[in-house]
Amino acid sequence: MRWLLTILVALVAGFAGAAGWSFSGLGDSRTRDYLLANPQVLPEAIALLQQREQQGRIEPLRAELERPFPGAVLGNPQGAVTLVAFSDYACGFCRRSMDDVTALIAANPDLKVVMREYPILSPASADAARMALAAAQQGRYPAFHDAMFRLGPPSDATIAAAARTAGLDLARAQADIGGGAIEQALQANAAMAAQLGISGTPAWIAGNQFLNGAVGQQALAEAIDAARTGRSAPAGAAS
């Protein structure tokens, strides 16, 4: 238990300080007694610690995170508030979240959704990600993104069908995929994900808040509102 006290003592001191109570040391019996008498502070303190660590990882990368690959944006490209999404076309949870993002864009005209293609589930999802960025270079990223998810898991057939649905110039797309910039963008996305501790999709960043998984429209809306107003996310909101 001592290692947990060492990690949490400063946080718990903040909670207890309002009551005029302070610690004289990490081994102080009052620390242990307080935590045993108030175990409900432990999950909150751990969540706050995790949130602070996540914020510390996000801030140095913010400019790069919020600068999209040209055209790989949903919503308002000039929006004042940014939601960053790490996504994989083979990810069922990403597909499930698509309607949430669509609803958030409709409800927030100032929302820019920066899409980070992060194909980690299959070789076919990597092929779909490359075609998505090729679509972005033709100004057709939203159409391809929507079609790719609607048509089902990525395969040669569904990628080609999504490209046709989006109206891509396929010869130009293949040339762009072979040109190097798209591969560099995917490598940059993977590097950012590693720095942020992202190991699955979808993953979301809004302001200083990181959310993992298909968290639902309400959680994303709250994160966007906090980013818009510059407020910190509540402890426990990140997962």
C-alpha atoms as a PDB file:
ATOM      1  CA  MET A   1       0.000   0.000   0.000  1.00  0.00           C
ATOM      2  CA  ARG A   2       2.932   2.356   0.547  1.00  0.00           C
ATOM      3  CA  TRP A   3       3.520   2.834  -3.183  1.00  0.00           C
ATOM      4  CA  LEU A   4      -0.080   3.920  -3.622  1.00  0.00           C
ATOM      5  CA  LEU A   5       0.216   6.378  -0.748  1.00  0.00           C
ATOM      6  CA  THR A   6       3.376   7.774  -2.308  1.00  0.00           C
ATOM      7  CA  ILE A   7       1.585   8.403  -5.606  1.00  0.00           C
ATOM      8  CA  LEU A   8      -1.616   9.772  -4.123  1.00  0.00           C
ATOM      9  CA  VAL A   9      -0.520  11.751  -1.114  1.00  0.00           C
ATOM     10  CA  ALA A  10      -0.227  15.088  -2.899  1.00  0.00           C
ATOM     11  CA  LEU A  11      -3.625  14.661  -4.520  1.00  0.00           C
ATOM     12  CA  VAL A  12      -5.330  13.553  -1.347  1.00  0.00           C
ATOM     13  CA  ALA A  13      -3.678  16.419   0.511  1.00  0.00           C
ATOM     14  CA  GLY A  14      -5.498  18.742  -1.840  1.00  0.00           C
ATOM     15  CA  PHE A  15      -8.824  17.086  -1.096  1.00  0.00           C
ATOM     16  CA  ALA A  16      -8.245  17.146   2.649  1.00  0.00           C
ATOM     17  CA  GLY A  17      -6.725  20.622   2.746  1.00  0.00           C
ATOM     18  CA  ALA A  18     -10.128  22.250   2.562  1.00  0.00           C
ATOM     19  CA  ALA A  19     -10.878  20.732   5.930  1.00  0.00           C
ATOM     20  CA  GLY A  20      -7.648  22.147   7.397  1.00  0.00           C
ATOM     21  CA  TRP A  21      -5.972  18.747   7.555  1.00  0.00           C
ATOM     22  CA  SER A  22      -2.368  18.270   6.421  1.00  0.00           C
ATOM     23  CA  PHE A  23       0.226  15.530   6.200  1.00  0.00           C
ATOM     24  CA  SER A  24       3.500  15.465   8.052  1.00  0.00           C
ATOM     25  CA  GLY A  25       4.987  12.733   5.851  1.00  0.00           C
ATOM     26  CA  LEU A  26       4.228   9.882   3.456  1.00  0.00           C
ATOM     27  CA  GLY A  27       4.407   7.369   6.268  1.00  0.00           C
ATOM     28  CA  ASP A  28       2.209   9.395   8.619  1.00  0.00           C
ATOM     29  CA  SER A  29      -0.480   7.181  10.123  1.00  0.00           C
ATOM     30  CA  ARG A  30      -3.000   9.945   9.541  1.00  0.00           C
ATOM     31  CA  THR A  31      -2.531   9.488   5.788  1.00  0.00           C
ATOM     32  CA  ARG A  32      -3.390   5.812   6.065  1.00  0.00           C
ATOM     33  CA  ASP A  33      -6.244   6.461   8.449  1.00  0.00           C
ATOM     34  CA  TYR A  34      -7.723   9.125   6.214  1.00  0.00           C
ATOM     35  CA  LEU A  35      -7.605   6.896   3.124  1.00  0.00           C
ATOM     36  CA  LEU A  36      -9.079   3.940   4.982  1.00  0.00           C
ATOM     37  CA  ALA A  37     -11.866   6.127   6.332  1.00  0.00           C
ATOM     38  CA  ASN A  38     -12.481   7.769   2.926  1.00  0.00           C
ATOM     39  CA  PRO A  39     -11.739   5.120   0.277  1.00  0.00           C
ATOM     40  CA  GLN A  40     -13.972   6.933  -2.188  1.00  0.00           C
ATOM     41  CA  VAL A  41     -11.174   9.450  -2.801  1.00  0.00           C
ATOM     42  CA  LEU A  42      -8.874   6.783  -4.251  1.00  0.00           C
ATOM     43  CA  PRO A  43     -10.582   6.289  -7.649  1.00  0.00           C
ATOM     44  CA  GLU A  44     -10.983  10.055  -7.995  1.00  0.00           C
ATOM     45  CA  ALA A  45      -7.347  10.657  -7.124  1.00  0.00           C
ATOM     46  CA  ILE A  46      -6.121   7.969  -9.509  1.00  0.00           C
ATOM     47  CA  ALA A  47      -8.313   9.369 -12.303  1.00  0.00           C
ATOM     48  CA  LEU A  48      -6.973  12.867 -11.654  1.00  0.00           C
ATOM     49  CA  LEU A  49      -3.395  11.587 -11.737  1.00  0.00           C
ATOM     50  CA  GLN A  50      -4.032   9.791 -15.028  1.00  0.00           C
ATOM     51  CA  GLN A  51      -5.671  12.900 -16.455  1.00  0.00           C
ATOM     52  CA  ARG A  52      -2.683  15.057 -15.529  1.00  0.00           C
ATOM     53  CA  GLU A  53      -0.308  12.563 -17.113  1.00  0.00           C
ATOM     54  CA  GLN A  54      -2.406  12.537 -20.296  1.00  0.00           C
ATOM     55  CA  GLN A  55      -2.478  16.318 -20.426  1.00  0.00           C
ATOM     56  CA  GLY A  56       1.289  16.343 -20.079  1.00  0.00           C
ATOM     57  CA  ARG A  57       1.565  14.104 -23.138  1.00  0.00           C
ATOM     58  CA  ILE A  58      -0.965  16.046 -25.210  1.00  0.00           C
ATOM     59  CA  GLU A  59       0.346  19.583 -24.808  1.00  0.00           C
ATOM     60  CA  PRO A  60       3.781  19.138 -26.477  1.00  0.00           C
ATOM     61  CA  LEU A  61       2.054  17.534 -29.480  1.00  0.00           C
ATOM     62  CA  ARG A  62      -0.931  19.868 -29.723  1.00  0.00           C
ATOM     63  CA  ALA A  63       0.137  21.857 -32.793  1.00  0.00           C
ATOM     64  CA  GLU A  64       1.001  18.698 -34.721  1.00  0.00           C
ATOM     65  CA  LEU A  65      -2.096  16.853 -33.506  1.00  0.00           C
ATOM     66  CA  GLU A  66      -4.481  19.588 -34.582  1.00  0.00           C
ATOM     67  CA  ARG A  67      -2.827  20.171 -37.971  1.00  0.00           C
ATOM     68  CA  PRO A  68      -4.527  17.697 -40.315  1.00  0.00           C
ATOM     69  CA  PHE A  69      -3.175  15.929 -43.341  1.00  0.00           C
ATOM     70  CA  PRO A  70      -4.453  18.267 -46.088  1.00  0.00           C
ATOM     71  CA  GLY A  71      -8.135  17.533 -46.603  1.00  0.00           C
ATOM     72  CA  ALA A  72      -8.482  14.825 -43.931  1.00  0.00           C
ATOM     73  CA  VAL A  73     -11.075  16.787 -41.987  1.00  0.00           C
ATOM     74  CA  LEU A  74     -14.753  16.367 -41.186  1.00  0.00           C
ATOM     75  CA  GLY A  75     -17.033  19.216 -40.188  1.00  0.00           C
ATOM     76  CA  ASN A  76     -15.807  22.803 -40.499  1.00  0.00           C
ATOM     77  CA  PRO A  77     -12.185  22.919 -41.756  1.00  0.00           C
ATOM     78  CA  GLN A  78     -11.881  26.414 -40.247  1.00  0.00           C
ATOM     79  CA  GLY A  79     -13.640  25.498 -37.008  1.00  0.00           C
ATOM     80  CA  ALA A  80     -12.640  27.163 -33.768  1.00  0.00           C
ATOM     81  CA  VAL A  81     -12.822  23.984 -31.698  1.00  0.00           C
ATOM     82  CA  THR A  82     -11.006  20.778 -32.672  1.00  0.00           C
ATOM     83  CA  LEU A  83     -11.728  17.120 -32.042  1.00  0.00           C
ATOM     84  CA  VAL A  84      -8.905  14.772 -33.046  1.00  0.00           C
ATOM     85  CA  ALA A  85      -9.917  11.195 -33.889  1.00  0.00           C
ATOM     86  CA  PHE A  86      -7.590   8.212 -34.318  1.00  0.00           C
ATOM     87  CA  SER A  87      -9.542   5.707 -36.393  1.00  0.00           C
ATOM     88  CA  ASP A  88      -9.268   2.406 -38.279  1.00  0.00           C
ATOM     89  CA  TYR A  89     -11.723   1.347 -40.998  1.00  0.00           C
ATOM     90  CA  ALA A  90     -11.595  -2.232 -39.722  1.00  0.00           C
ATOM     91  CA  CYS A  91     -12.701  -1.093 -36.257  1.00  0.00           C
ATOM     92  CA  GLY A  92     -16.324  -1.846 -35.392  1.00  0.00           C
ATOM     93  CA  PHE A  93     -16.256   0.652 -32.533  1.00  0.00           C
ATOM     94  CA  CYS A  94     -15.107   3.341 -34.989  1.00  0.00           C
ATOM     95  CA  ARG A  95     -18.001   2.451 -37.272  1.00  0.00           C
ATOM     96  CA  ARG A  96     -20.381   2.616 -34.312  1.00  0.00           C
ATOM     97  CA  SER A  97     -19.081   6.089 -33.457  1.00  0.00           C
ATOM     98  CA  MET A  98     -19.597   7.493 -36.945  1.00  0.00           C
ATOM     99  CA  ASP A  99     -23.193   8.567 -36.305  1.00  0.00           C
ATOM    100  CA  ASP A 100     -22.101  10.263 -33.068  1.00  0.00           C
ATOM    101  CA  VAL A 101     -19.548  12.334 -34.982  1.00  0.00           C
ATOM    102  CA  THR A 102     -22.108  13.213 -37.648  1.00  0.00           C
ATOM    103  CA  ALA A 103     -24.545  14.403 -34.978  1.00  0.00           C
ATOM    104  CA  LEU A 104     -21.846  16.439 -33.224  1.00  0.00           C
ATOM    105  CA  ILE A 105     -20.892  18.144 -36.483  1.00  0.00           C
ATOM    106  CA  ALA A 106     -24.538  19.030 -37.118  1.00  0.00           C
ATOM    107  CA  ALA A 107     -24.903  20.448 -33.590  1.00  0.00           C
ATOM    108  CA  ASN A 108     -21.583  22.340 -33.608  1.00  0.00           C
ATOM    109  CA  PRO A 109     -20.993  24.473 -36.709  1.00  0.00           C
ATOM    110  CA  ASP A 110     -17.623  25.527 -35.270  1.00  0.00           C
ATOM    111  CA  LEU A 111     -16.347  21.944 -34.922  1.00  0.00           C
ATOM    112  CA  LYS A 112     -13.333  20.737 -36.893  1.00  0.00           C
ATOM    113  CA  VAL A 113     -12.756  16.974 -36.692  1.00  0.00           C
ATOM    114  CA  VAL A 114      -9.147  16.148 -37.545  1.00  0.00           C
ATOM    115  CA  MET A 115      -9.004  12.539 -38.682  1.00  0.00           C
ATOM    116  CA  ARG A 116      -5.878  10.557 -37.867  1.00  0.00           C
ATOM    117  CA  GLU A 117      -5.806   7.369 -39.899  1.00  0.00           C
ATOM    118  CA  TYR A 118      -4.394   4.727 -37.551  1.00  0.00           C
ATOM    119  CA  PRO A 119      -4.700   1.353 -39.319  1.00  0.00           C
ATOM    120  CA  ILE A 120      -3.603  -1.236 -36.769  1.00  0.00           C
ATOM    121  CA  LEU A 121      -6.080  -4.072 -37.222  1.00  0.00           C
ATOM    122  CA  SER A 122      -5.310  -5.516 -40.645  1.00  0.00           C
ATOM    123  CA  PRO A 123      -3.357  -4.991 -43.876  1.00  0.00           C
ATOM    124  CA  ALA A 124      -6.660  -4.148 -45.564  1.00  0.00           C
ATOM    125  CA  SER A 125      -7.333  -1.350 -43.090  1.00  0.00           C
ATOM    126  CA  ALA A 126      -3.922   0.104 -43.997  1.00  0.00           C
ATOM    127  CA  ASP A 127      -4.911  -0.004 -47.678  1.00  0.00           C
ATOM    128  CA  ALA A 128      -8.180   1.755 -46.827  1.00  0.00           C
ATOM    129  CA  ALA A 129      -6.295   4.414 -44.861  1.00  0.00           C
ATOM    130  CA  ARG A 130      -3.985   5.075 -47.812  1.00  0.00           C
ATOM    131  CA  MET A 131      -6.961   5.480 -50.139  1.00  0.00           C
ATOM    132  CA  ALA A 132      -8.652   7.770 -47.603  1.00  0.00           C
ATOM    133  CA  LEU A 133      -5.658  10.121 -47.623  1.00  0.00           C
ATOM    134  CA  ALA A 134      -5.546   9.958 -51.404  1.00  0.00           C
ATOM    135  CA  ALA A 135      -9.221  10.976 -51.332  1.00  0.00           C
ATOM    136  CA  ALA A 136      -8.276  13.864 -49.039  1.00  0.00           C
ATOM    137  CA  GLN A 137      -5.813  15.105 -51.638  1.00  0.00           C
ATOM    138  CA  GLN A 138      -8.716  15.233 -54.106  1.00  0.00           C
ATOM    139  CA  GLY A 139     -11.004  17.053 -51.675  1.00  0.00           C
ATOM    140  CA  ARG A 140     -13.205  13.971 -51.260  1.00  0.00           C
ATOM    141  CA  TYR A 141     -12.223  12.682 -47.850  1.00  0.00           C
ATOM    142  CA  PRO A 142     -15.685  12.989 -46.192  1.00  0.00           C
ATOM    143  CA  ALA A 143     -17.364  11.114 -49.052  1.00  0.00           C
ATOM    144  CA  PHE A 144     -14.798   8.301 -48.989  1.00  0.00           C
ATOM    145  CA  HIS A 145     -14.813   8.102 -45.179  1.00  0.00           C
ATOM    146  CA  ASP A 146     -18.590   7.752 -45.101  1.00  0.00           C
ATOM    147  CA  ALA A 147     -18.692   5.217 -47.941  1.00  0.00           C
ATOM    148  CA  MET A 148     -15.866   3.124 -46.493  1.00  0.00           C
ATOM    149  CA  PHE A 149     -17.644   2.675 -43.179  1.00  0.00           C
ATOM    150  CA  ARG A 150     -21.057   2.138 -44.767  1.00  0.00           C
ATOM    151  CA  LEU A 151     -19.799  -0.553 -47.157  1.00  0.00           C
ATOM    152  CA  GLY A 152     -18.394  -2.810 -44.441  1.00  0.00           C
ATOM    153  CA  PRO A 153     -14.965  -4.094 -43.397  1.00  0.00           C
ATOM    154  CA  PRO A 154     -12.091  -3.066 -45.670  1.00  0.00           C
ATOM    155  CA  SER A 155     -11.161  -5.337 -48.544  1.00  0.00           C
ATOM    156  CA  ASP A 156     -10.016  -4.759 -52.088  1.00  0.00           C
ATOM    157  CA  ALA A 157     -13.669  -4.786 -53.170  1.00  0.00           C
ATOM    158  CA  THR A 158     -15.024  -2.395 -50.531  1.00  0.00           C
ATOM    159  CA  ILE A 159     -12.094   0.018 -50.912  1.00  0.00           C
ATOM    160  CA  ALA A 160     -12.629   0.157 -54.682  1.00  0.00           C
ATOM    161  CA  ALA A 161     -16.386   0.583 -54.200  1.00  0.00           C
ATOM    162  CA  ALA A 162     -15.877   3.400 -51.685  1.00  0.00           C
ATOM    163  CA  ALA A 163     -13.449   5.131 -54.071  1.00  0.00           C
ATOM    164  CA  ARG A 164     -16.019   4.923 -56.888  1.00  0.00           C
ATOM    165  CA  THR A 165     -18.797   6.160 -54.592  1.00  0.00           C
ATOM    166  CA  ALA A 166     -16.649   9.122 -53.577  1.00  0.00           C
ATOM    167  CA  GLY A 167     -15.909   9.916 -57.225  1.00  0.00           C
ATOM    168  CA  LEU A 168     -12.132   9.528 -56.985  1.00  0.00           C
ATOM    169  CA  ASP A 169      -9.777   9.750 -59.906  1.00  0.00           C
ATOM    170  CA  LEU A 170      -8.332   6.279 -59.282  1.00  0.00           C
ATOM    171  CA  ALA A 171      -5.235   6.768 -61.430  1.00  0.00           C
ATOM    172  CA  ARG A 172      -4.364   9.922 -59.532  1.00  0.00           C
ATOM    173  CA  ALA A 173      -5.122   8.214 -56.213  1.00  0.00           C
ATOM    174  CA  GLN A 174      -2.759   5.347 -56.956  1.00  0.00           C
ATOM    175  CA  ALA A 175      -0.048   7.779 -58.017  1.00  0.00           C
ATOM    176  CA  ASP A 176      -0.491   9.761 -54.804  1.00  0.00           C
ATOM    177  CA  ILE A 177      -0.366   6.592 -52.701  1.00  0.00           C
ATOM    178  CA  GLY A 178       2.952   5.722 -54.316  1.00  0.00           C
ATOM    179  CA  GLY A 179       4.338   9.218 -53.890  1.00  0.00           C
ATOM    180  CA  GLY A 180       5.542   8.924 -50.306  1.00  0.00           C
ATOM    181  CA  ALA A 181       3.566  11.700 -48.556  1.00  0.00           C
ATOM    182  CA  ILE A 182       0.725   9.399 -47.572  1.00  0.00           C
ATOM    183  CA  GLU A 183       3.036   6.783 -46.078  1.00  0.00           C
ATOM    184  CA  GLN A 184       4.849   9.497 -44.155  1.00  0.00           C
ATOM    185  CA  ALA A 185       1.516  10.745 -42.771  1.00  0.00           C
ATOM    186  CA  LEU A 186       0.559   7.260 -41.562  1.00  0.00           C
ATOM    187  CA  GLN A 187       3.945   6.856 -39.905  1.00  0.00           C
ATOM    188  CA  ALA A 188       3.533  10.244 -38.223  1.00  0.00           C
ATOM    189  CA  ASN A 189       0.095   9.224 -36.938  1.00  0.00           C
ATOM    190  CA  ALA A 190       1.536   6.013 -35.510  1.00  0.00           C
ATOM    191  CA  ALA A 191       4.344   7.937 -33.829  1.00  0.00           C
ATOM    192  CA  MET A 192       1.890  10.378 -32.245  1.00  0.00           C
ATOM    193  CA  ALA A 193      -0.285   7.495 -31.057  1.00  0.00           C
ATOM    194  CA  ALA A 194       2.740   5.880 -29.416  1.00  0.00           C
ATOM    195  CA  GLN A 195       3.697   9.125 -27.671  1.00  0.00           C
ATOM    196  CA  LEU A 196       0.150   9.535 -26.390  1.00  0.00           C
ATOM    197  CA  GLY A 197      -0.149   5.941 -25.224  1.00  0.00           C
ATOM    198  CA  ILE A 198      -2.883   5.105 -27.736  1.00  0.00           C
ATOM    199  CA  SER A 199      -3.021   1.398 -28.475  1.00  0.00           C
ATOM    200  CA  GLY A 200      -6.552   1.012 -29.851  1.00  0.00           C
ATOM    201  CA  THR A 201      -9.259   2.773 -31.813  1.00  0.00           C
ATOM    202  CA  PRO A 202     -11.201   4.933 -31.703  1.00  0.00           C
ATOM    203  CA  ALA A 203      -9.284   7.406 -29.566  1.00  0.00           C
ATOM    204  CA  TRP A 204     -10.281  11.033 -29.182  1.00  0.00           C
ATOM    205  CA  ILE A 205      -8.593  14.245 -28.068  1.00  0.00           C
ATOM    206  CA  ALA A 206     -10.411  17.509 -27.417  1.00  0.00           C
ATOM    207  CA  GLY A 207      -8.527  20.235 -25.629  1.00  0.00           C
ATOM    208  CA  ASN A 208      -6.681  18.569 -22.761  1.00  0.00           C
ATOM    209  CA  GLN A 209      -8.993  15.571 -22.619  1.00  0.00           C
ATOM    210  CA  PHE A 210      -8.259  12.107 -23.952  1.00  0.00           C
ATOM    211  CA  LEU A 211     -11.045   9.570 -24.398  1.00  0.00           C
ATOM    212  CA  ASN A 212     -10.640   5.976 -25.480  1.00  0.00           C
ATOM    213  CA  GLY A 213     -13.195   3.802 -27.229  1.00  0.00           C
ATOM    214  CA  ALA A 214     -16.781   4.244 -28.409  1.00  0.00           C
ATOM    215  CA  VAL A 215     -17.597   6.609 -25.546  1.00  0.00           C
ATOM    216  CA  GLY A 216     -20.819   7.932 -27.049  1.00  0.00           C
ATOM    217  CA  GLN A 217     -22.115  11.279 -28.243  1.00  0.00           C
ATOM    218  CA  GLN A 218     -22.668  12.774 -24.780  1.00  0.00           C
ATOM    219  CA  ALA A 219     -19.099  12.192 -23.570  1.00  0.00           C
ATOM    220  CA  LEU A 220     -17.681  13.621 -26.782  1.00  0.00           C
ATOM    221  CA  ALA A 221     -20.024  16.627 -26.585  1.00  0.00           C
ATOM    222  CA  GLU A 222     -18.863  17.351 -23.031  1.00  0.00           C
ATOM    223  CA  ALA A 223     -15.215  17.143 -24.099  1.00  0.00           C
ATOM    224  CA  ILE A 224     -15.861  19.491 -27.025  1.00  0.00           C
ATOM    225  CA  ASP A 225     -17.657  21.997 -24.786  1.00  0.00           C
ATOM    226  CA  ALA A 226     -14.753  21.896 -22.320  1.00  0.00           C
ATOM    227  CA  ALA A 227     -12.260  22.471 -25.136  1.00  0.00           C
ATOM    228  CA  ARG A 228     -14.320  25.374 -26.463  1.00  0.00           C
ATOM    229  CA  THR A 229     -14.377  27.159 -23.121  1.00  0.00           C
ATOM    230  CA  GLY A 230     -10.856  26.196 -22.104  1.00  0.00           C
ATOM    231  CA  ARG A 231     -12.065  24.271 -19.063  1.00  0.00           C
ATOM    232  CA  SER A 232     -10.277  21.193 -17.787  1.00  0.00           C
ATOM    233  CA  ALA A 233     -12.085  17.912 -18.171  1.00  0.00           C
ATOM    234  CA  PRO A 234     -13.569  16.529 -14.942  1.00  0.00           C
ATOM    235  CA  ALA A 235     -11.507  13.872 -13.192  1.00  0.00           C
ATOM    236  CA  GLY A 236     -12.586  10.425 -14.293  1.00  0.00           C
ATOM    237  CA  ALA A 237     -13.827  11.595 -17.707  1.00  0.00           C
ATOM    238  CA  ALA A 238     -10.823  10.203 -19.554  1.00  0.00           C
ATOM    239  CA  SER A 239     -10.602   6.479 -19.956  1.00  0.00           C
END
